[in-house]
Amino acid sequence: MLYRPQLPVGRNFVEVVSPYFVYPILVIDTKSTGEHTFQLLHPFTRYVTERIGEPIYLKPIDKLQYLFEEPGFSIASFIFSGSGMFVIFGVFMYLCYSKLMPTLEEAQLAPESGQNRR
């Protein structure tokens, strides 16, 4: 024999808490005549997922996931990100200046021409 608690008139909520699964919320609407209507709510959106009758079986909606798996490393996403562009620009400048620097030093050490003097 099933035990049925006396519920007050109005809307009553039953939540199942589990460390492993997500369960829907059971809403029991009790009328003054003692008649009950049952609905299941989605726990995150609070929308009615279905209206049910007795007997009531609560099935898990989903597994509870505390940590989300990160996507793998992609070299293309790094290259086109801000950090990747900064590194590529730095390497490009280093290579250009290493070839250009000897000619700049020679130009700085060269005597000035007579036209620029005042």
Protein backbone atom coordinates (compact mmCIF):
# COMPACT_ATOMS: atom_id res chain seq x y z
CA MET A 1 0.00 0.00 0.00
CA LEU A 2 1.34 3.41 -0.96
CA TYR A 3 1.66 6.18 1.57
CA ARG A 4 0.22 9.46 0.30
CA PRO A 5 1.01 12.48 2.45
CA GLN A 6 -1.63 15.13 3.00
CA LEU A 7 -0.64 18.06 0.84
CA PRO A 8 -1.96 21.56 1.44
CA VAL A 9 -4.22 23.11 -1.20
CA GLY A 10 -2.22 24.91 -3.87
CA ARG A 11 0.96 24.22 -5.77
CA ASN A 12 3.59 21.92 -4.26
CA PHE A 13 7.05 21.16 -5.66
CA VAL A 14 9.13 18.00 -5.32
CA GLU A 15 12.81 18.18 -6.30
CA VAL A 16 15.16 15.23 -6.51
CA VAL A 17 18.78 16.07 -5.71
CA SER A 18 21.50 13.73 -6.93
CA PRO A 19 25.26 14.21 -7.30
CA TYR A 20 25.22 12.24 -10.56
CA PHE A 21 21.99 13.00 -12.45
CA VAL A 22 19.64 15.91 -13.22
CA TYR A 23 15.98 15.16 -12.53
CA PRO A 24 12.86 17.11 -13.55
CA ILE A 25 10.88 19.01 -10.92
CA LEU A 26 7.53 17.50 -10.05
CA VAL A 27 4.72 20.03 -9.58
CA ILE A 28 1.64 18.82 -7.74
CA ASP A 29 -1.41 21.07 -7.99
CA THR A 30 -3.82 20.21 -5.20
CA LYS A 31 -7.38 21.47 -5.52
CA SER A 32 -9.74 22.02 -2.58
CA THR A 33 -11.68 18.91 -3.65
CA GLY A 34 -8.56 16.82 -3.01
CA GLU A 35 -7.90 16.23 -6.70
CA HIS A 36 -4.26 16.30 -7.83
CA THR A 37 -2.72 17.20 -11.19
CA PHE A 38 0.93 16.48 -11.91
CA GLN A 39 3.40 18.28 -14.20
CA LEU A 40 7.11 17.93 -14.83
CA LEU A 41 9.25 21.08 -15.14
CA HIS A 42 12.69 21.27 -16.69
CA PRO A 43 15.06 22.19 -13.82
CA PHE A 44 16.99 24.86 -15.77
CA THR A 45 14.36 26.53 -17.95
CA ARG A 46 11.37 25.96 -15.61
CA TYR A 47 9.14 25.19 -18.61
CA VAL A 48 6.53 22.43 -18.38
CA THR A 49 7.93 19.41 -20.19
CA GLU A 50 4.90 17.14 -19.78
CA ARG A 51 1.74 16.50 -17.80
CA ILE A 52 1.69 13.11 -16.17
CA GLY A 53 -0.64 10.87 -14.20
CA GLU A 54 -0.18 8.34 -11.48
CA PRO A 55 1.96 6.32 -10.85
CA ILE A 56 4.80 8.82 -11.03
CA TYR A 57 8.25 7.73 -12.15
CA LEU A 58 10.96 10.38 -12.29
CA LYS A 59 13.62 9.53 -14.86
CA PRO A 60 16.87 11.48 -15.06
CA ILE A 61 17.07 14.07 -17.84
CA ASP A 62 20.85 14.12 -18.10
CA LYS A 63 24.06 13.27 -16.31
CA LEU A 64 25.36 16.06 -14.11
CA GLN A 65 28.62 17.38 -15.50
CA TYR A 66 30.75 19.54 -13.22
CA LEU A 67 33.69 20.08 -15.54
CA PHE A 68 33.53 20.53 -19.29
CA GLU A 69 36.11 19.07 -21.60
CA GLU A 70 38.21 21.72 -23.27
CA PRO A 71 38.74 21.54 -27.02
CA GLY A 72 42.16 20.37 -28.20
CA PHE A 73 44.97 22.72 -29.18
CA SER A 74 44.88 23.95 -32.75
CA ILE A 75 47.91 25.64 -34.28
CA ALA A 76 45.75 27.56 -36.76
CA SER A 77 43.65 29.09 -33.98
CA PHE A 78 46.83 30.14 -32.17
CA ILE A 79 48.41 31.68 -35.28
CA PHE A 80 45.34 33.78 -36.06
CA SER A 81 44.76 34.85 -32.46
CA GLY A 82 46.16 38.09 -31.08
CA SER A 83 49.02 36.33 -29.30
CA GLY A 84 49.98 34.37 -32.38
CA MET A 85 50.00 37.48 -34.57
CA PHE A 86 52.18 39.23 -31.97
CA VAL A 87 54.71 36.37 -32.00
CA ILE A 88 54.74 36.15 -35.82
CA PHE A 89 55.21 39.92 -36.14
CA GLY A 90 58.07 39.79 -33.61
CA VAL A 91 59.86 36.99 -35.50
CA PHE A 92 59.31 38.83 -38.80
CA MET A 93 60.77 42.05 -37.37
CA TYR A 94 63.75 40.16 -35.90
CA LEU A 95 64.54 38.52 -39.25
CA CYS A 96 64.16 41.77 -41.19
CA TYR A 97 66.23 43.85 -38.77
CA SER A 98 69.00 41.25 -38.54
CA LYS A 99 69.52 41.57 -42.31
CA LEU A 100 68.91 45.32 -42.40
CA MET A 101 70.97 46.28 -39.34
CA PRO A 102 74.47 46.09 -40.91
CA THR A 103 73.43 48.51 -43.68
CA LEU A 104 71.86 50.88 -41.12
CA GLU A 105 75.05 50.91 -39.05
CA GLU A 106 77.13 51.68 -42.15
CA ALA A 107 74.78 54.52 -43.03
CA GLN A 108 75.07 56.00 -39.55
CA LEU A 109 78.86 55.78 -39.52
CA ALA A 110 79.22 57.33 -42.98
CA PRO A 111 80.29 60.97 -43.03
CA GLU A 112 77.58 63.46 -43.79
CA SER A 113 77.49 64.97 -47.23
CA GLY A 114 78.17 68.69 -47.73
CA GLN A 115 74.65 69.56 -48.84
CA ASN A 116 73.03 68.83 -45.48
CA ARG A 117 75.44 71.01 -43.45
CA ARG A 118 74.48 74.53 -42.48
